[in-house]
Amino acid sequence: MKERELLKTEYLKAGYIDLPRLAFSLVGLLYFISIIAVNQVKSIIFSAFYYGVLALAAVVFFATKRALTMKPVLLYAAGSFLLAACNVIFVGNMTWIKTGILFMSFLMAAVMLDDMTDERAFLIAVYLNAAVVAVKIAMHGLSAPVYVEASNNYVSVHLLAPAVLYYSLLNIRGKKIPLIPGIVVWVLSLVAGGRGGLLAATILLGGIILHRYLEDEATRRERVLLGCLLVVILIPLLFLLLQVFASRFNGLYVVTRFLDKGLDGGGRLACWAEYIEKSMMSVTRFLFGTELYEVGWVVHYKGNLHNSYLFVHAFLGIFGFLFLMGMLIRAIVVGIRRKMWVYVFSLLAFMFRGLTDHVFGVNRLTVVILALILIPDVLKAKERMSKSRAL
C-alpha cells in the first residue's frame, strides 16, 4: 500500500492529471453548474443536463466499485425507492421519474463525499452562485428576480447548498476553515432580503467564527477581530428580534422585509396546519403522504408547501419523515461527539433553512441534505478501511 501511495505521489509530481480525482470533483461541480443553468434559463436542454449529471454520478459510483464500500447508501436508496413507489401508487405526489431521480440522488451524494472529490469543487460552486447573484442585482436592482422560476428567497438556498458541503468536508478532513466563503454567503443573503436566509447564513457564519475563535493557534489579535465580526453579523438579528426599537432603522432593506411581512410566516403557518390536519384524516395519507392538490394553501402557493420536512412526508410518507429525522439526529450526535463543530453548524443552518421553503424533499437540492446525513456512514467506512489496512 505504501509503495502504491508513493507511486501515486511521484506520478502527480511528474505533472500528470489525477483522472479519478478529476472525475469525482467534476461530477460534484457539474451538479451545481446544472442547477445554476436551470435557474437562469427555462429550457428542456438544461433540465436534461441536470438529469445527465445525476446519471453520470451513478456511472462513477458503480464503475469505481464504491457500492462495495458504501453499502448503506444502496440500502437507504432502495428503501426510499420503495417508499416513493408507494406514494406513486397510493397518493400521486411522486412520479416514476422523480422516484428514479431520488434513487440517483443518493449515489450523487456518495460521490460528493468520496475522498477522491476535492472540496474546492464546492468552493467554486459557491463563488459561481455568488457571481450570478451579484451580476443580476447590479444589472437589475434588488427588486428584480434572480431566478426564472423562484423568488429571491432562494438566493440564500443556492448559496448555502454548496457552502455547507464545502465546510463539512473541510471539517471532517481536518483542514483549515476559511472565513471568506461564509462571509460572501452572509452578505448576499442579507442583501437579497430573505428572512430565513439571513438567519441560516448567520448560523453558518457564526459557527465558523466560533470555531476559529476557539482554535488553539488563534492569536489574541485574531480573536479580537473574530469577536468584532461576530457582533457585526448579530446586529441585523438584534434589530429584527427587537422590533420595538427597529422602526428607527427601517431604512435597512432586510429589516423592512421583516417588518412588512412579520416574523410569524403569515400564510405559511396556515398552510402547514392545513396539511397536517388533512394528513390525519386517513391512514393512507398518514402512511404514504397527503395529496398536495387537496391542500388549499398549497394550491394558493402554486405547489409550494413552504416546509421541506412536510414535503418529505408528502413524497415519502411517515416512514420517510421518521427516517430523515432519525438520520438528522444521528448526524448531529456524531458531529458533537467527534467535535466537528463546523459540520454541526453547517447541518443546522441547512436544516433551519428548510423550515420555511422547499429546500429539500425530492427536489434538485435533495442531494445536499442526503450528503450531510450520510457523513456518519462515510466516517464509519473510512474507519473500517483503516482497520483492514492495518491488519
Protein backbone atom coordinates (compact mmCIF):
# COMPACT_ATOMS: atom_id res chain seq x y z
CA MET A 1 0.00 0.00 0.00
CA LYS A 2 2.85 2.40 0.84
CA GLU A 3 4.51 1.67 -2.49
CA ARG A 4 1.24 2.41 -4.24
CA GLU A 5 0.90 5.77 -2.45
CA LEU A 6 4.49 6.68 -3.24
CA LEU A 7 3.95 5.78 -6.88
CA LYS A 8 0.85 7.96 -6.95
CA THR A 9 2.78 10.87 -5.40
CA GLU A 10 5.57 10.58 -7.94
CA TYR A 11 3.00 10.30 -10.72
CA LEU A 12 1.43 13.60 -9.67
CA LYS A 13 4.78 15.30 -9.21
CA ALA A 14 5.62 14.42 -12.80
CA GLY A 15 2.79 16.71 -13.90
CA TYR A 16 0.18 14.14 -14.84
CA ILE A 17 -3.50 14.64 -14.08
CA ASP A 18 -5.10 12.54 -11.37
CA LEU A 19 -8.00 11.41 -13.57
CA PRO A 20 -10.08 9.67 -10.85
CA ARG A 21 -9.89 12.73 -8.60
CA LEU A 22 -10.73 14.98 -11.53
CA ALA A 23 -13.73 12.82 -12.46
CA PHE A 24 -15.22 12.80 -8.95
CA SER A 25 -14.64 16.52 -8.45
CA LEU A 26 -16.01 17.40 -11.88
CA VAL A 27 -19.23 15.49 -11.23
CA GLY A 28 -19.76 17.45 -8.00
CA LEU A 29 -19.11 20.78 -9.73
CA LEU A 30 -21.26 19.93 -12.75
CA TYR A 31 -24.15 19.17 -10.41
CA PHE A 32 -24.20 22.77 -9.14
CA ILE A 33 -23.50 24.21 -12.60
CA SER A 34 -26.53 22.33 -13.93
CA ILE A 35 -28.70 23.84 -11.19
CA ILE A 36 -27.39 27.34 -11.95
CA ALA A 37 -28.22 26.78 -15.62
CA VAL A 38 -31.77 25.56 -14.87
CA ASN A 39 -32.36 28.55 -12.58
CA GLN A 40 -31.26 31.04 -15.22
CA VAL A 41 -32.79 29.64 -18.40
CA LYS A 42 -36.06 27.74 -18.60
CA SER A 43 -35.14 25.09 -21.16
CA ILE A 44 -35.57 21.35 -21.55
CA ILE A 45 -31.91 21.22 -22.60
CA PHE A 46 -30.67 22.38 -19.21
CA SER A 47 -33.10 20.11 -17.42
CA ALA A 48 -31.68 17.22 -19.45
CA PHE A 49 -28.20 18.43 -18.44
CA TYR A 50 -29.16 18.08 -14.77
CA TYR A 51 -30.53 14.57 -15.29
CA GLY A 52 -27.41 13.68 -17.25
CA VAL A 53 -25.17 14.75 -14.37
CA LEU A 54 -27.13 12.51 -11.98
CA ALA A 55 -26.73 9.61 -14.41
CA LEU A 56 -23.01 10.35 -14.67
CA ALA A 57 -22.73 10.19 -10.88
CA ALA A 58 -24.40 6.78 -10.91
CA VAL A 59 -21.90 5.58 -13.53
CA VAL A 60 -18.97 6.84 -11.47
CA PHE A 61 -20.39 5.27 -8.30
CA PHE A 62 -20.74 1.80 -9.80
CA ALA A 63 -17.76 1.92 -12.19
CA THR A 64 -15.36 2.69 -9.33
CA LYS A 65 -16.92 -0.07 -7.18
CA ARG A 66 -17.96 2.38 -4.49
CA ALA A 67 -21.05 0.22 -3.95
CA LEU A 68 -18.79 -2.33 -2.22
CA THR A 69 -17.60 0.12 0.46
CA MET A 70 -20.78 2.21 0.73
CA LYS A 71 -23.44 -0.48 1.07
CA PRO A 72 -25.58 1.63 3.47
CA VAL A 73 -26.08 4.16 0.65
CA LEU A 74 -27.63 1.49 -1.56
CA LEU A 75 -29.77 0.30 1.33
CA TYR A 76 -31.08 3.81 2.03
CA ALA A 77 -31.63 4.44 -1.68
CA ALA A 78 -33.57 1.20 -2.11
CA GLY A 79 -35.74 1.94 0.93
CA SER A 80 -36.52 5.43 -0.34
CA PHE A 81 -37.32 4.00 -3.77
CA LEU A 82 -39.90 1.66 -2.21
CA LEU A 83 -41.50 4.47 -0.18
CA ALA A 84 -41.64 6.67 -3.26
CA ALA A 85 -43.21 3.81 -5.24
CA CYS A 86 -45.92 3.51 -2.58
CA ASN A 87 -46.59 7.22 -2.97
CA VAL A 88 -46.89 6.84 -6.74
CA ILE A 89 -49.43 4.05 -6.30
CA PHE A 90 -51.50 5.32 -3.35
CA VAL A 91 -51.13 9.12 -3.41
CA GLY A 92 -49.81 10.50 -6.67
CA ASN A 93 -47.46 13.26 -5.48
CA MET A 94 -44.49 11.27 -6.78
CA THR A 95 -43.92 10.06 -10.33
CA TRP A 96 -41.73 7.22 -11.54
CA ILE A 97 -39.27 9.76 -12.96
CA LYS A 98 -38.99 11.52 -9.59
CA THR A 99 -38.56 8.13 -7.93
CA GLY A 100 -35.62 7.33 -10.18
CA ILE A 101 -34.11 10.76 -9.55
CA LEU A 102 -34.39 10.23 -5.79
CA PHE A 103 -32.51 6.93 -6.09
CA MET A 104 -29.71 8.53 -8.12
CA SER A 105 -29.56 11.44 -5.67
CA PHE A 106 -28.23 9.06 -3.03
CA LEU A 107 -25.47 7.97 -5.42
CA MET A 108 -24.62 11.59 -6.24
CA ALA A 109 -24.39 12.36 -2.52
CA ALA A 110 -21.98 9.43 -2.03
CA VAL A 111 -19.80 10.66 -4.91
CA MET A 112 -19.68 14.15 -3.40
CA LEU A 113 -18.44 12.77 -0.06
CA ASP A 114 -15.83 10.48 -1.57
CA ASP A 115 -12.20 11.11 -0.68
CA MET A 116 -11.49 11.46 -4.39
CA THR A 117 -13.73 14.54 -4.54
CA ASP A 118 -11.84 17.78 -3.97
CA GLU A 119 -13.83 20.06 -1.66
CA ARG A 120 -12.67 23.03 -3.73
CA ALA A 121 -15.19 21.98 -6.38
CA PHE A 122 -17.91 23.17 -3.99
CA LEU A 123 -15.99 26.36 -3.21
CA ILE A 124 -16.04 27.12 -6.94
CA ALA A 125 -19.79 26.46 -6.90
CA VAL A 126 -20.24 28.96 -4.04
CA TYR A 127 -18.45 31.68 -5.99
CA LEU A 128 -20.26 30.86 -9.24
CA ASN A 129 -23.62 31.22 -7.48
CA ALA A 130 -22.40 34.41 -5.78
CA ALA A 131 -21.29 35.84 -9.13
CA VAL A 132 -24.71 35.17 -10.69
CA VAL A 133 -26.48 36.88 -7.78
CA ALA A 134 -24.11 39.86 -7.74
CA VAL A 135 -24.37 40.42 -11.52
CA LYS A 136 -28.17 40.14 -11.51
CA ILE A 137 -28.51 42.60 -8.62
CA ALA A 138 -26.01 45.01 -10.19
CA MET A 139 -27.85 44.91 -13.53
CA HIS A 140 -31.48 44.91 -12.42
CA GLY A 141 -31.57 46.00 -8.77
CA LEU A 142 -32.82 44.31 -5.61
CA SER A 143 -36.44 44.02 -6.66
CA ALA A 144 -35.78 42.10 -9.89
CA PRO A 145 -35.84 38.28 -9.78
CA VAL A 146 -32.50 36.49 -9.78
CA TYR A 147 -34.01 33.18 -10.94
CA VAL A 148 -36.54 32.39 -13.66
CA GLU A 149 -38.86 30.24 -11.55
CA ALA A 150 -38.09 31.10 -7.92
CA SER A 151 -38.27 34.14 -5.67
CA ASN A 152 -35.18 35.85 -4.31
CA ASN A 153 -35.77 33.99 -1.03
CA TYR A 154 -33.89 31.19 -2.76
CA VAL A 155 -30.71 33.25 -3.15
CA SER A 156 -29.63 32.07 0.29
CA VAL A 157 -30.64 28.49 -0.51
CA HIS A 158 -28.45 28.26 -3.60
CA LEU A 159 -25.55 29.90 -1.80
CA LEU A 160 -25.87 27.71 1.29
CA ALA A 161 -26.12 24.42 -0.62
CA PRO A 162 -22.50 24.24 -1.88
CA ALA A 163 -21.21 26.18 1.14
CA VAL A 164 -22.41 23.67 3.73
CA LEU A 165 -20.89 20.82 1.71
CA TYR A 166 -17.60 22.69 1.37
CA TYR A 167 -17.32 23.45 5.07
CA SER A 168 -18.47 19.99 6.16
CA LEU A 169 -15.83 18.28 4.03
CA LEU A 170 -13.13 20.62 5.30
CA ASN A 171 -14.13 19.84 8.87
CA ILE A 172 -14.25 16.04 8.58
CA ARG A 173 -10.95 16.07 6.67
CA GLY A 174 -9.25 18.14 9.35
CA LYS A 175 -8.43 21.10 7.11
CA LYS A 176 -8.30 24.80 7.90
CA ILE A 177 -11.67 26.57 7.86
CA PRO A 178 -11.65 29.86 5.88
CA LEU A 179 -13.96 32.77 6.65
CA ILE A 180 -14.36 34.39 3.24
CA PRO A 181 -16.89 31.96 1.65
CA GLY A 182 -19.11 32.17 4.72
CA ILE A 183 -18.94 35.97 4.67
CA VAL A 184 -19.89 36.02 0.97
CA VAL A 185 -22.92 33.83 1.67
CA TRP A 186 -23.96 36.01 4.62
CA VAL A 187 -23.56 39.35 2.81
CA LEU A 188 -25.52 38.27 -0.28
CA SER A 189 -28.23 36.67 1.88
CA LEU A 190 -28.51 40.00 3.74
CA VAL A 191 -28.68 41.99 0.51
CA ALA A 192 -31.27 39.66 -1.06
CA GLY A 193 -33.55 40.31 1.92
CA GLY A 194 -34.75 36.80 2.71
CA ARG A 195 -35.60 36.41 6.39
CA GLY A 196 -34.93 32.70 6.77
CA GLY A 197 -31.89 33.02 4.54
CA LEU A 198 -30.27 35.65 6.72
CA LEU A 199 -30.87 33.61 9.87
CA ALA A 200 -29.49 30.43 8.26
CA ALA A 201 -26.43 32.24 6.90
CA THR A 202 -25.84 33.70 10.36
CA ILE A 203 -25.93 30.22 11.91
CA LEU A 204 -23.33 29.03 9.39
CA LEU A 205 -21.01 32.03 9.66
CA GLY A 206 -21.46 32.24 13.43
CA GLY A 207 -20.39 28.61 13.77
CA ILE A 208 -17.33 29.21 11.59
CA ILE A 209 -16.35 32.27 13.63
CA LEU A 210 -16.73 30.41 16.92
CA HIS A 211 -14.64 27.54 15.54
CA ARG A 212 -11.87 29.92 14.50
CA TYR A 213 -12.13 31.87 17.78
CA LEU A 214 -11.67 28.74 19.89
CA GLU A 215 -8.77 27.37 17.86
CA ASP A 216 -5.65 26.90 19.95
CA GLU A 217 -3.46 28.51 17.26
CA ALA A 218 -5.60 31.64 17.00
CA THR A 219 -3.70 34.74 18.16
CA ARG A 220 -5.14 37.35 20.50
CA ARG A 221 -5.42 39.84 17.63
CA GLU A 222 -7.29 37.28 15.51
CA ARG A 223 -9.70 36.58 18.36
CA VAL A 224 -10.45 40.28 18.76
CA LEU A 225 -11.21 40.59 15.04
CA LEU A 226 -13.34 37.45 15.11
CA GLY A 227 -15.25 38.77 18.11
CA CYS A 228 -15.95 42.02 16.29
CA LEU A 229 -17.11 40.12 13.20
CA LEU A 230 -19.47 38.01 15.32
CA VAL A 231 -21.01 41.19 16.77
CA VAL A 232 -21.41 42.63 13.26
CA ILE A 233 -23.35 39.65 11.91
CA LEU A 234 -25.57 39.59 15.00
CA ILE A 235 -26.58 43.25 14.68
CA PRO A 236 -29.23 42.68 11.95
CA LEU A 237 -30.72 39.86 14.01
CA LEU A 238 -30.93 42.06 17.07
CA PHE A 239 -32.77 44.67 15.00
CA LEU A 240 -35.20 42.05 13.83
CA LEU A 241 -35.83 40.48 17.20
CA LEU A 242 -36.23 43.79 18.97
CA GLN A 243 -38.93 45.20 16.72
CA VAL A 244 -39.92 47.78 19.28
CA PHE A 245 -36.65 49.57 18.50
CA ALA A 246 -36.45 48.58 14.85
CA SER A 247 -38.68 51.36 13.47
CA ARG A 248 -35.84 53.86 13.61
CA PHE A 249 -33.78 51.55 11.43
CA ASN A 250 -36.47 50.66 8.91
CA GLY A 251 -34.37 52.03 6.04
CA LEU A 252 -32.47 48.76 6.01
CA TYR A 253 -33.92 46.56 3.26
CA VAL A 254 -33.79 43.34 5.24
CA VAL A 255 -35.41 45.00 8.28
CA THR A 256 -38.16 46.37 6.06
CA ARG A 257 -38.77 42.84 4.78
CA PHE A 258 -39.22 41.58 8.33
CA LEU A 259 -41.39 44.47 9.45
CA ASP A 260 -43.61 44.35 6.37
CA LYS A 261 -44.18 40.60 6.43
CA GLY A 262 -43.79 39.83 10.10
CA LEU A 263 -41.89 37.07 11.85
CA ASP A 264 -44.74 34.58 12.06
CA GLY A 265 -44.59 33.39 8.46
CA GLY A 266 -48.11 34.59 7.68
CA GLY A 267 -49.82 32.07 5.43
CA ARG A 268 -47.08 29.52 5.95
CA LEU A 269 -48.43 28.56 9.37
CA ALA A 270 -51.92 28.16 7.97
CA CYS A 271 -50.52 26.09 5.11
CA TRP A 272 -48.66 23.75 7.46
CA ALA A 273 -51.67 23.42 9.76
CA GLU A 274 -53.96 22.56 6.85
CA TYR A 275 -51.54 19.94 5.52
CA ILE A 276 -51.13 18.29 8.94
CA GLU A 277 -54.88 18.33 9.51
CA LYS A 278 -55.55 16.61 6.19
CA SER A 279 -52.77 14.09 6.86
CA MET A 280 -54.63 12.96 9.98
CA MET A 281 -57.89 12.37 8.11
CA SER A 282 -56.98 8.92 6.76
CA VAL A 283 -54.50 6.11 7.37
CA THR A 284 -53.38 6.20 3.73
CA ARG A 285 -52.48 9.88 3.90
CA PHE A 286 -50.68 9.46 7.20
CA LEU A 287 -48.65 6.49 5.98
CA PHE A 288 -47.88 7.49 2.39
CA GLY A 289 -48.41 11.25 2.15
CA THR A 290 -51.23 13.72 1.57
CA GLU A 291 -52.21 14.80 -1.95
CA LEU A 292 -50.75 18.28 -2.38
CA TYR A 293 -53.52 19.38 -4.74
CA GLU A 294 -56.01 18.72 -1.93
CA VAL A 295 -54.40 21.37 0.29
CA GLY A 296 -55.89 24.79 -0.47
CA TRP A 297 -52.91 26.78 0.72
CA VAL A 298 -50.50 24.66 -1.36
CA VAL A 299 -52.59 25.39 -4.45
CA HIS A 300 -52.52 29.07 -3.49
CA TYR A 301 -48.71 28.91 -3.26
CA LYS A 302 -48.55 27.15 -6.66
CA GLY A 303 -47.48 23.80 -5.22
CA ASN A 304 -45.09 25.10 -2.57
CA LEU A 305 -45.75 23.73 0.91
CA HIS A 306 -43.03 26.05 2.27
CA ASN A 307 -41.63 23.37 4.58
CA SER A 308 -39.06 20.79 3.49
CA TYR A 309 -39.94 18.39 6.30
CA LEU A 310 -43.60 18.30 5.37
CA PHE A 311 -42.56 17.83 1.74
CA VAL A 312 -40.67 14.71 2.80
CA HIS A 313 -43.90 13.39 4.30
CA ALA A 314 -45.86 14.39 1.20
CA PHE A 315 -43.50 12.40 -1.03
CA LEU A 316 -42.30 9.54 1.21
CA GLY A 317 -44.91 9.30 3.93
CA ILE A 318 -44.43 8.96 7.66
CA PHE A 319 -41.65 6.38 7.33
CA GLY A 320 -39.62 8.68 5.08
CA PHE A 321 -40.18 11.55 7.50
CA LEU A 322 -39.08 9.47 10.50
CA PHE A 323 -36.05 8.20 8.58
CA LEU A 324 -34.95 11.74 7.79
CA MET A 325 -35.42 12.95 11.36
CA GLY A 326 -33.56 9.95 12.74
CA MET A 327 -30.67 10.49 10.33
CA LEU A 328 -30.51 14.20 11.18
CA ILE A 329 -30.39 13.47 14.92
CA ARG A 330 -27.72 10.82 14.34
CA ALA A 331 -25.63 13.25 12.28
CA ILE A 332 -25.82 15.95 14.97
CA VAL A 333 -24.88 13.48 17.72
CA VAL A 334 -21.94 12.13 15.70
CA GLY A 335 -20.76 15.66 14.93
CA ILE A 336 -20.90 16.69 18.59
CA ARG A 337 -19.17 13.53 19.82
CA ARG A 338 -16.36 13.96 17.30
CA LYS A 339 -16.22 17.72 17.99
CA MET A 340 -16.79 18.53 14.32
CA TRP A 341 -18.50 21.80 15.14
CA VAL A 342 -18.35 23.37 11.69
CA TYR A 343 -20.12 20.31 10.30
CA VAL A 344 -22.76 20.57 13.04
CA PHE A 345 -23.38 24.27 12.34
CA SER A 346 -23.47 23.62 8.58
CA LEU A 347 -26.10 20.95 9.12
CA LEU A 348 -28.11 23.16 11.50
CA ALA A 349 -28.03 26.06 9.02
CA PHE A 350 -29.36 23.90 6.18
CA MET A 351 -31.93 22.26 8.46
CA PHE A 352 -33.17 25.65 9.61
CA ARG A 353 -33.38 26.96 6.05
CA GLY A 354 -35.60 24.01 5.17
CA LEU A 355 -38.22 25.04 7.72
CA THR A 356 -39.84 27.75 5.59
CA ASP A 357 -39.11 26.78 1.98
CA HIS A 358 -38.80 23.77 -0.31
CA VAL A 359 -35.05 23.36 0.16
CA PHE A 360 -35.02 19.54 0.14
CA GLY A 361 -37.56 16.74 -0.11
CA VAL A 362 -37.40 15.20 -3.61
CA ASN A 363 -36.22 18.29 -5.47
CA ARG A 364 -32.92 19.24 -7.11
CA LEU A 365 -31.16 20.16 -3.86
CA THR A 366 -32.17 16.99 -2.01
CA VAL A 367 -28.68 15.70 -2.82
CA VAL A 368 -27.22 18.23 -0.36
CA ILE A 369 -29.21 17.12 2.69
CA LEU A 370 -28.53 13.48 1.74
CA ALA A 371 -24.80 14.17 1.64
CA LEU A 372 -24.92 15.84 5.06
CA ILE A 373 -26.76 12.95 6.72
CA LEU A 374 -24.54 10.34 5.04
CA ILE A 375 -21.34 11.75 6.56
CA PRO A 376 -21.52 9.42 9.63
CA ASP A 377 -21.65 6.44 7.24
CA VAL A 378 -18.66 7.79 5.32
CA LEU A 379 -16.70 8.17 8.55
CA LYS A 380 -17.52 4.59 9.55
CA ALA A 381 -16.45 3.31 6.13
CA LYS A 382 -13.12 5.12 6.48
CA GLU A 383 -12.55 3.60 9.90
CA ARG A 384 -13.26 0.11 8.58
CA MET A 385 -10.84 0.61 5.71
CA SER A 386 -8.15 1.93 8.05
CA LYS A 387 -8.50 -1.13 10.30
CA SER A 388 -8.36 -3.53 7.34
CA ARG A 389 -5.22 -1.82 6.04
CA ALA A 390 -3.61 -2.01 9.48
CA LEU A 391 -4.19 -5.77 9.50
